Amino acid sequence: MQLQNIKIYKMNRYDKDMMHERELIYDAKGQLHKADKAYKKGDKGKKQEMIRDRELIYDAKTDIHKEDMAKKRSMHPGTHKILKHMK
């Protein structure tokens, strides 16, 4: 059976945090798009919602960057160079 050969991938905290941050970005971009459409149709009250959504996207991207930098600092010094060449 092939099912026995498949390794089960267990997500660590870093992966869960990164996935959560990306979900926040995705959701905020969707909300931003809806607010932008409403604003263009004439609903001027949506401007504040658009600003808030842009801030959510910025914050989520900043958190992802911080998580990446923290992970890279915790690696063995040569590991980053190896991973960089594997891309």
PDB file of N, CA and C in Angstrom:
ATOM      1  N   MET A   1       0.823  -1.186   0.000  1.00  0.00           N
ATOM      2  CA  MET A   1       0.000   0.000   0.000  1.00  0.00           C
ATOM      3  C   MET A   1       0.871   1.255   0.000  1.00  0.00           C
ATOM      4  N   GLN A   2       0.491   2.207  -0.753  1.00  0.00           N
ATOM      5  CA  GLN A   2       1.221   3.463  -0.801  1.00  0.00           C
ATOM      6  C   GLN A   2       0.941   4.333   0.402  1.00  0.00           C
ATOM      7  N   LEU A   3      -0.176   4.174   1.044  1.00  0.00           N
ATOM      8  CA  LEU A   3      -0.530   5.007   2.181  1.00  0.00           C
ATOM      9  C   LEU A   3       0.452   4.848   3.334  1.00  0.00           C
ATOM     10  N   GLN A   4       1.068   3.697   3.447  1.00  0.00           N
ATOM     11  CA  GLN A   4       2.016   3.463   4.531  1.00  0.00           C
ATOM     12  C   GLN A   4       3.300   4.256   4.324  1.00  0.00           C
ATOM     13  N   ASN A   5       3.634   4.542   3.081  1.00  0.00           N
ATOM     14  CA  ASN A   5       4.871   5.251   2.772  1.00  0.00           C
ATOM     15  C   ASN A   5       4.754   6.768   2.925  1.00  0.00           C
ATOM     16  N   ILE A   6       3.541   7.280   3.043  1.00  0.00           N
ATOM     17  CA  ILE A   6       3.333   8.716   3.153  1.00  0.00           C
ATOM     18  C   ILE A   6       3.622   9.164   4.575  1.00  0.00           C
ATOM     19  N   LYS A   7       4.489  10.145   4.695  1.00  0.00           N
ATOM     20  CA  LYS A   7       4.789  10.707   6.005  1.00  0.00           C
ATOM     21  C   LYS A   7       3.752  11.755   6.356  1.00  0.00           C
ATOM     22  N   ILE A   8       3.311  11.754   7.575  1.00  0.00           N
ATOM     23  CA  ILE A   8       2.350  12.751   8.023  1.00  0.00           C
ATOM     24  C   ILE A   8       3.134  13.971   8.470  1.00  0.00           C
ATOM     25  N   TYR A   9       2.793  15.085   7.861  1.00  0.00           N
ATOM     26  CA  TYR A   9       3.478  16.328   8.176  1.00  0.00           C
ATOM     27  C   TYR A   9       2.782  16.994   9.347  1.00  0.00           C
ATOM     28  N   LYS A  10       3.512  17.233  10.397  1.00  0.00           N
ATOM     29  CA  LYS A  10       2.967  17.907  11.564  1.00  0.00           C
ATOM     30  C   LYS A  10       3.419  19.359  11.531  1.00  0.00           C
ATOM     31  N   MET A  11       2.447  20.243  11.572  1.00  0.00           N
ATOM     32  CA  MET A  11       2.764  21.666  11.510  1.00  0.00           C
ATOM     33  C   MET A  11       3.320  22.137  12.852  1.00  0.00           C
ATOM     34  N   ASN A  12       4.391  22.885  12.781  1.00  0.00           N
ATOM     35  CA  ASN A  12       4.926  23.474  14.008  1.00  0.00           C
ATOM     36  C   ASN A  12       4.304  24.862  14.223  1.00  0.00           C
ATOM     37  N   ARG A  13       4.645  25.475  15.310  1.00  0.00           N
ATOM     38  CA  ARG A  13       4.064  26.779  15.649  1.00  0.00           C
ATOM     39  C   ARG A  13       4.360  27.814  14.570  1.00  0.00           C
ATOM     40  N   TYR A  14       5.567  27.788  14.031  1.00  0.00           N
ATOM     41  CA  TYR A  14       5.957  28.750  13.001  1.00  0.00           C
ATOM     42  C   TYR A  14       5.039  28.629  11.786  1.00  0.00           C
ATOM     43  N   ASP A  15       4.818  27.394  11.330  1.00  0.00           N
ATOM     44  CA  ASP A  15       3.971  27.176  10.163  1.00  0.00           C
ATOM     45  C   ASP A  15       2.537  27.621  10.424  1.00  0.00           C
ATOM     46  N   LYS A  16       2.026  27.332  11.615  1.00  0.00           N
ATOM     47  CA  LYS A  16       0.662  27.731  11.950  1.00  0.00           C
ATOM     48  C   LYS A  16       0.528  29.247  11.994  1.00  0.00           C
ATOM     49  N   ASP A  17       1.529  29.907  12.577  1.00  0.00           N
ATOM     50  CA  ASP A  17       1.496  31.369  12.640  1.00  0.00           C
ATOM     51  C   ASP A  17       1.549  31.980  11.245  1.00  0.00           C
ATOM     52  N   MET A  18       2.408  31.436  10.397  1.00  0.00           N
ATOM     53  CA  MET A  18       2.541  31.966   9.041  1.00  0.00           C
ATOM     54  C   MET A  18       1.250  31.752   8.247  1.00  0.00           C
ATOM     55  N   MET A  19       0.651  30.592   8.397  1.00  0.00           N
ATOM     56  CA  MET A  19      -0.588  30.306   7.689  1.00  0.00           C
ATOM     57  C   MET A  19      -1.693  31.258   8.168  1.00  0.00           C
ATOM     58  N   HIS A  20      -1.739  31.500   9.470  1.00  0.00           N
ATOM     59  CA  HIS A  20      -2.743  32.408  10.023  1.00  0.00           C
ATOM     60  C   HIS A  20      -2.550  33.825   9.483  1.00  0.00           C
ATOM     61  N   GLU A  21      -1.318  34.291   9.431  1.00  0.00           N
ATOM     62  CA  GLU A  21      -1.041  35.635   8.918  1.00  0.00           C
ATOM     63  C   GLU A  21      -1.423  35.752   7.448  1.00  0.00           C
ATOM     64  N   ARG A  22      -1.159  34.713   6.670  1.00  0.00           N
ATOM     65  CA  ARG A  22      -1.527  34.746   5.250  1.00  0.00           C
ATOM     66  C   ARG A  22      -3.048  34.739   5.069  1.00  0.00           C
ATOM     67  N   GLU A  23      -3.747  34.023   5.946  1.00  0.00           N
ATOM     68  CA  GLU A  23      -5.205  34.040   5.899  1.00  0.00           C
ATOM     69  C   GLU A  23      -5.742  35.433   6.216  1.00  0.00           C
ATOM     70  N   LEU A  24      -5.102  36.113   7.175  1.00  0.00           N
ATOM     71  CA  LEU A  24      -5.518  37.480   7.503  1.00  0.00           C
ATOM     72  C   LEU A  24      -5.328  38.406   6.311  1.00  0.00           C
ATOM     73  N   ILE A  25      -4.220  38.256   5.613  1.00  0.00           N
ATOM     74  CA  ILE A  25      -3.957  39.085   4.434  1.00  0.00           C
ATOM     75  C   ILE A  25      -5.012  38.816   3.363  1.00  0.00           C
ATOM     76  N   TYR A  26      -5.303  37.547   3.132  1.00  0.00           N
ATOM     77  CA  TYR A  26      -6.289  37.172   2.122  1.00  0.00           C
ATOM     78  C   TYR A  26      -7.655  37.772   2.457  1.00  0.00           C
ATOM     79  N   ASP A  27      -8.072  37.636   3.712  1.00  0.00           N
ATOM     80  CA  ASP A  27      -9.367  38.175   4.136  1.00  0.00           C
ATOM     81  C   ASP A  27      -9.412  39.701   4.023  1.00  0.00           C
ATOM     82  N   ALA A  28      -8.340  40.344   4.442  1.00  0.00           N
ATOM     83  CA  ALA A  28      -8.299  41.811   4.394  1.00  0.00           C
ATOM     84  C   ALA A  28      -8.325  42.312   2.955  1.00  0.00           C
ATOM     85  N   LYS A  29      -7.659  41.606   2.051  1.00  0.00           N
ATOM     86  CA  LYS A  29      -7.676  42.021   0.646  1.00  0.00           C
ATOM     87  C   LYS A  29      -9.080  41.886   0.063  1.00  0.00           C
ATOM     88  N   GLY A  30      -9.791  40.832   0.470  1.00  0.00           N
ATOM     89  CA  GLY A  30     -11.169  40.663   0.013  1.00  0.00           C
ATOM     90  C   GLY A  30     -12.062  41.778   0.519  1.00  0.00           C
ATOM     91  N   GLN A  31     -11.915  42.121   1.788  1.00  0.00           N
ATOM     92  CA  GLN A  31     -12.702  43.206   2.363  1.00  0.00           C
ATOM     93  C   GLN A  31     -12.352  44.542   1.709  1.00  0.00           C
ATOM     94  N   LEU A  32     -11.082  44.748   1.435  1.00  0.00           N
ATOM     95  CA  LEU A  32     -10.630  45.978   0.790  1.00  0.00           C
ATOM     96  C   LEU A  32     -11.250  46.114  -0.597  1.00  0.00           C
ATOM     97  N   HIS A  33     -11.298  45.001  -1.322  1.00  0.00           N
ATOM     98  CA  HIS A  33     -11.877  45.011  -2.666  1.00  0.00           C
ATOM     99  C   HIS A  33     -13.365  45.377  -2.613  1.00  0.00           C
ATOM    100  N   LYS A  34     -14.094  44.785  -1.663  1.00  0.00           N
ATOM    101  CA  LYS A  34     -15.531  45.092  -1.524  1.00  0.00           C
ATOM    102  C   LYS A  34     -15.744  46.552  -1.133  1.00  0.00           C
ATOM    103  N   ALA A  35     -14.936  47.038  -0.199  1.00  0.00           N
ATOM    104  CA  ALA A  35     -15.071  48.433   0.236  1.00  0.00           C
ATOM    105  C   ALA A  35     -14.724  49.385  -0.896  1.00  0.00           C
ATOM    106  N   ASP A  36     -13.735  49.020  -1.699  1.00  0.00           N
ATOM    107  CA  ASP A  36     -13.336  49.863  -2.833  1.00  0.00           C
ATOM    108  C   ASP A  36     -14.461  49.958  -3.855  1.00  0.00           C
ATOM    109  N   LYS A  37     -15.120  48.839  -4.127  1.00  0.00           N
ATOM    110  CA  LYS A  37     -16.245  48.858  -5.066  1.00  0.00           C
ATOM    111  C   LYS A  37     -17.367  49.761  -4.545  1.00  0.00           C
ATOM    112  N   ALA A  38     -17.688  49.621  -3.243  1.00  0.00           N
ATOM    113  CA  ALA A  38     -18.752  50.444  -2.659  1.00  0.00           C
ATOM    114  C   ALA A  38     -18.371  51.922  -2.675  1.00  0.00           C
ATOM    115  N   TYR A  39     -17.098  52.219  -2.418  1.00  0.00           N
ATOM    116  CA  TYR A  39     -16.627  53.609  -2.421  1.00  0.00           C
ATOM    117  C   TYR A  39     -16.754  54.210  -3.819  1.00  0.00           C
ATOM    118  N   LYS A  40     -16.413  53.428  -4.826  1.00  0.00           N
ATOM    119  CA  LYS A  40     -16.496  53.929  -6.200  1.00  0.00           C
ATOM    120  C   LYS A  40     -17.936  54.140  -6.642  1.00  0.00           C
ATOM    121  N   LYS A  41     -18.870  53.383  -6.034  1.00  0.00           N
ATOM    122  CA  LYS A  41     -20.286  53.569  -6.356  1.00  0.00           C
ATOM    123  C   LYS A  41     -20.866  54.785  -5.650  1.00  0.00           C
ATOM    124  N   GLY A  42     -20.138  55.371  -4.717  1.00  0.00           N
ATOM    125  CA  GLY A  42     -20.598  56.591  -4.077  1.00  0.00           C
ATOM    126  C   GLY A  42     -20.739  56.511  -2.572  1.00  0.00           C
ATOM    127  N   ASP A  43     -20.472  55.374  -1.964  1.00  0.00           N
ATOM    128  CA  ASP A  43     -20.573  55.240  -0.504  1.00  0.00           C
ATOM    129  C   ASP A  43     -19.285  55.770   0.129  1.00  0.00           C
ATOM    130  N   LYS A  44     -19.296  57.044   0.475  1.00  0.00           N
ATOM    131  CA  LYS A  44     -18.082  57.690   0.995  1.00  0.00           C
ATOM    132  C   LYS A  44     -17.698  57.197   2.391  1.00  0.00           C
ATOM    133  N   GLY A  45     -18.615  56.546   3.101  1.00  0.00           N
ATOM    134  CA  GLY A  45     -18.309  56.008   4.425  1.00  0.00           C
ATOM    135  C   GLY A  45     -17.379  54.812   4.369  1.00  0.00           C
ATOM    136  N   LYS A  46     -17.198  54.227   3.204  1.00  0.00           N
ATOM    137  CA  LYS A  46     -16.341  53.045   3.053  1.00  0.00           C
ATOM    138  C   LYS A  46     -14.849  53.405   3.049  1.00  0.00           C
ATOM    139  N   LYS A  47     -14.552  54.689   2.956  1.00  0.00           N
ATOM    140  CA  LYS A  47     -13.141  55.090   2.909  1.00  0.00           C
ATOM    141  C   LYS A  47     -12.416  54.671   4.191  1.00  0.00           C
ATOM    142  N   GLN A  48     -13.042  54.861   5.354  1.00  0.00           N
ATOM    143  CA  GLN A  48     -12.422  54.467   6.623  1.00  0.00           C
ATOM    144  C   GLN A  48     -12.223  52.960   6.688  1.00  0.00           C
ATOM    145  N   GLU A  49     -13.169  52.211   6.123  1.00  0.00           N
ATOM    146  CA  GLU A  49     -13.035  50.753   6.094  1.00  0.00           C
ATOM    147  C   GLU A  49     -11.852  50.345   5.226  1.00  0.00           C
ATOM    148  N   MET A  50     -11.669  51.045   4.115  1.00  0.00           N
ATOM    149  CA  MET A  50     -10.539  50.750   3.235  1.00  0.00           C
ATOM    150  C   MET A  50      -9.222  51.035   3.944  1.00  0.00           C
ATOM    151  N   ILE A  51      -9.163  52.127   4.670  1.00  0.00           N
ATOM    152  CA  ILE A  51      -7.937  52.482   5.401  1.00  0.00           C
ATOM    153  C   ILE A  51      -7.630  51.413   6.446  1.00  0.00           C
ATOM    154  N   ARG A  52      -8.661  50.970   7.173  1.00  0.00           N
ATOM    155  CA  ARG A  52      -8.480  49.946   8.199  1.00  0.00           C
ATOM    156  C   ARG A  52      -7.999  48.627   7.584  1.00  0.00           C
ATOM    157  N   ASP A  53      -8.565  48.262   6.429  1.00  0.00           N
ATOM    158  CA  ASP A  53      -8.154  47.024   5.767  1.00  0.00           C
ATOM    159  C   ASP A  53      -6.709  47.099   5.288  1.00  0.00           C
ATOM    160  N   ARG A  54      -6.305  48.266   4.790  1.00  0.00           N
ATOM    161  CA  ARG A  54      -4.906  48.429   4.368  1.00  0.00           C
ATOM    162  C   ARG A  54      -3.959  48.291   5.562  1.00  0.00           C
ATOM    163  N   GLU A  55      -4.393  48.819   6.703  1.00  0.00           N
ATOM    164  CA  GLU A  55      -3.579  48.695   7.918  1.00  0.00           C
ATOM    165  C   GLU A  55      -3.479  47.241   8.362  1.00  0.00           C
ATOM    166  N   LEU A  56      -4.564  46.478   8.236  1.00  0.00           N
ATOM    167  CA  LEU A  56      -4.540  45.056   8.593  1.00  0.00           C
ATOM    168  C   LEU A  56      -3.568  44.291   7.695  1.00  0.00           C
ATOM    169  N   ILE A  57      -3.593  44.599   6.412  1.00  0.00           N
ATOM    170  CA  ILE A  57      -2.683  43.941   5.473  1.00  0.00           C
ATOM    171  C   ILE A  57      -1.237  44.272   5.830  1.00  0.00           C
ATOM    172  N   TYR A  58      -0.970  45.540   6.087  1.00  0.00           N
ATOM    173  CA  TYR A  58       0.383  45.974   6.434  1.00  0.00           C
ATOM    174  C   TYR A  58       0.856  45.280   7.718  1.00  0.00           C
ATOM    175  N   ASP A  59      -0.014  45.227   8.729  1.00  0.00           N
ATOM    176  CA  ASP A  59       0.357  44.593   9.994  1.00  0.00           C
ATOM    177  C   ASP A  59       0.636  43.105   9.816  1.00  0.00           C
ATOM    178  N   ALA A  60      -0.186  42.437   9.029  1.00  0.00           N
ATOM    179  CA  ALA A  60       0.003  41.004   8.812  1.00  0.00           C
ATOM    180  C   ALA A  60       1.314  40.741   8.064  1.00  0.00           C
ATOM    181  N   LYS A  61       1.608  41.546   7.061  1.00  0.00           N
ATOM    182  CA  LYS A  61       2.860  41.377   6.320  1.00  0.00           C
ATOM    183  C   LYS A  61       4.069  41.652   7.216  1.00  0.00           C
ATOM    184  N   THR A  62       3.945  42.630   8.097  1.00  0.00           N
ATOM    185  CA  THR A  62       5.020  42.929   9.038  1.00  0.00           C
ATOM    186  C   THR A  62       5.240  41.761   9.984  1.00  0.00           C
ATOM    187  N   ASP A  63       4.157  41.150  10.462  1.00  0.00           N
ATOM    188  CA  ASP A  63       4.275  39.997  11.353  1.00  0.00           C
ATOM    189  C   ASP A  63       4.935  38.814  10.651  1.00  0.00           C
ATOM    190  N   ILE A  64       4.589  38.596   9.379  1.00  0.00           N
ATOM    191  CA  ILE A  64       5.220  37.511   8.614  1.00  0.00           C
ATOM    192  C   ILE A  64       6.717  37.765   8.501  1.00  0.00           C
ATOM    193  N   HIS A  65       7.099  38.994   8.200  1.00  0.00           N
ATOM    194  CA  HIS A  65       8.515  39.331   8.076  1.00  0.00           C
ATOM    195  C   HIS A  65       9.250  39.098   9.399  1.00  0.00           C
ATOM    196  N   LYS A  66       8.637  39.502  10.501  1.00  0.00           N
ATOM    197  CA  LYS A  66       9.259  39.311  11.815  1.00  0.00           C
ATOM    198  C   LYS A  66       9.425  37.828  12.137  1.00  0.00           C
ATOM    199  N   GLU A  67       8.417  37.010  11.807  1.00  0.00           N
ATOM    200  CA  GLU A  67       8.497  35.569  12.045  1.00  0.00           C
ATOM    201  C   GLU A  67       9.628  34.959  11.217  1.00  0.00           C
ATOM    202  N   ASP A  68       9.725  35.379   9.941  1.00  0.00           N
ATOM    203  CA  ASP A  68      10.796  34.881   9.080  1.00  0.00           C
ATOM    204  C   ASP A  68      12.174  35.228   9.639  1.00  0.00           C
ATOM    205  N   MET A  69      12.333  36.464  10.053  1.00  0.00           N
ATOM    206  CA  MET A  69      13.631  36.898  10.581  1.00  0.00           C
ATOM    207  C   MET A  69      13.973  36.157  11.875  1.00  0.00           C
ATOM    208  N   ALA A  70      12.983  35.923  12.720  1.00  0.00           N
ATOM    209  CA  ALA A  70      13.223  35.192  13.966  1.00  0.00           C
ATOM    210  C   ALA A  70      13.634  33.753  13.671  1.00  0.00           C
ATOM    211  N   LYS A  71      12.997  33.151  12.669  1.00  0.00           N
ATOM    212  CA  LYS A  71      13.342  31.764  12.318  1.00  0.00           C
ATOM    213  C   LYS A  71      14.756  31.699  11.743  1.00  0.00           C
ATOM    214  N   LYS A  72      15.095  32.663  10.901  1.00  0.00           N
ATOM    215  CA  LYS A  72      16.423  32.651  10.290  1.00  0.00           C
ATOM    216  C   LYS A  72      17.512  32.881  11.326  1.00  0.00           C
ATOM    217  N   ARG A  73      17.218  33.706  12.349  1.00  0.00           N
ATOM    218  CA  ARG A  73      18.207  33.940  13.408  1.00  0.00           C
ATOM    219  C   ARG A  73      18.425  32.703  14.258  1.00  0.00           C
ATOM    220  N   SER A  74      17.378  31.873  14.392  1.00  0.00           N
ATOM    221  CA  SER A  74      17.499  30.696  15.247  1.00  0.00           C
ATOM    222  C   SER A  74      18.165  29.526  14.535  1.00  0.00           C
ATOM    223  N   MET A  75      18.375  29.637  13.233  1.00  0.00           N
ATOM    224  CA  MET A  75      19.018  28.558  12.471  1.00  0.00           C
ATOM    225  C   MET A  75      20.527  28.567  12.701  1.00  0.00           C
ATOM    226  N   HIS A  76      21.121  27.447  12.368  1.00  0.00           N
ATOM    227  CA  HIS A  76      22.581  27.363  12.349  1.00  0.00           C
ATOM    228  C   HIS A  76      23.076  28.356  11.307  1.00  0.00           C
ATOM    229  N   PRO A  77      24.204  29.024  11.545  1.00  0.00           N
ATOM    230  CA  PRO A  77      24.657  30.087  10.629  1.00  0.00           C
ATOM    231  C   PRO A  77      24.739  29.693   9.151  1.00  0.00           C
ATOM    232  N   GLY A  78      25.112  28.483   8.835  1.00  0.00           N
ATOM    233  CA  GLY A  78      25.246  28.079   7.435  1.00  0.00           C
ATOM    234  C   GLY A  78      23.958  27.600   6.803  1.00  0.00           C
ATOM    235  N   THR A  79      22.946  27.323   7.589  1.00  0.00           N
ATOM    236  CA  THR A  79      21.694  26.773   7.072  1.00  0.00           C
ATOM    237  C   THR A  79      20.999  27.739   6.133  1.00  0.00           C
ATOM    238  N   HIS A  80      20.995  29.016   6.456  1.00  0.00           N
ATOM    239  CA  HIS A  80      20.322  30.000   5.620  1.00  0.00           C
ATOM    240  C   HIS A  80      20.903  30.007   4.209  1.00  0.00           C
ATOM    241  N   LYS A  81      22.230  29.901   4.093  1.00  0.00           N
ATOM    242  CA  LYS A  81      22.871  29.899   2.777  1.00  0.00           C
ATOM    243  C   LYS A  81      22.457  28.655   1.987  1.00  0.00           C
ATOM    244  N   ILE A  82      22.340  27.519   2.670  1.00  0.00           N
ATOM    245  CA  ILE A  82      21.936  26.281   1.991  1.00  0.00           C
ATOM    246  C   ILE A  82      20.503  26.402   1.508  1.00  0.00           C
ATOM    247  N   LEU A  83      19.614  26.867   2.370  1.00  0.00           N
ATOM    248  CA  LEU A  83      18.205  27.006   1.991  1.00  0.00           C
ATOM    249  C   LEU A  83      18.037  28.016   0.867  1.00  0.00           C
ATOM    250  N   LYS A  84      18.846  29.056   0.858  1.00  0.00           N
ATOM    251  CA  LYS A  84      18.767  30.094  -0.162  1.00  0.00           C
ATOM    252  C   LYS A  84      19.088  29.503  -1.534  1.00  0.00           C
ATOM    253  N   HIS A  85      20.043  28.571  -1.598  1.00  0.00           N
ATOM    254  CA  HIS A  85      20.436  27.976  -2.871  1.00  0.00           C
ATOM    255  C   HIS A  85      19.499  26.874  -3.307  1.00  0.00           C
ATOM    256  N   MET A  86      18.677  26.365  -2.408  1.00  0.00           N
ATOM    257  CA  MET A  86      17.735  25.286  -2.752  1.00  0.00           C
ATOM    258  C   MET A  86      16.510  25.813  -3.455  1.00  0.00           C
ATOM    259  N   LYS A  87      16.237  27.117  -3.406  1.00  0.00           N
ATOM    260  CA  LYS A  87      15.039  27.688  -4.035  1.00  0.00           C
ATOM    261  C   LYS A  87      15.100  27.610  -5.532  1.00  0.00           C
TER     262      LYS A  87
END
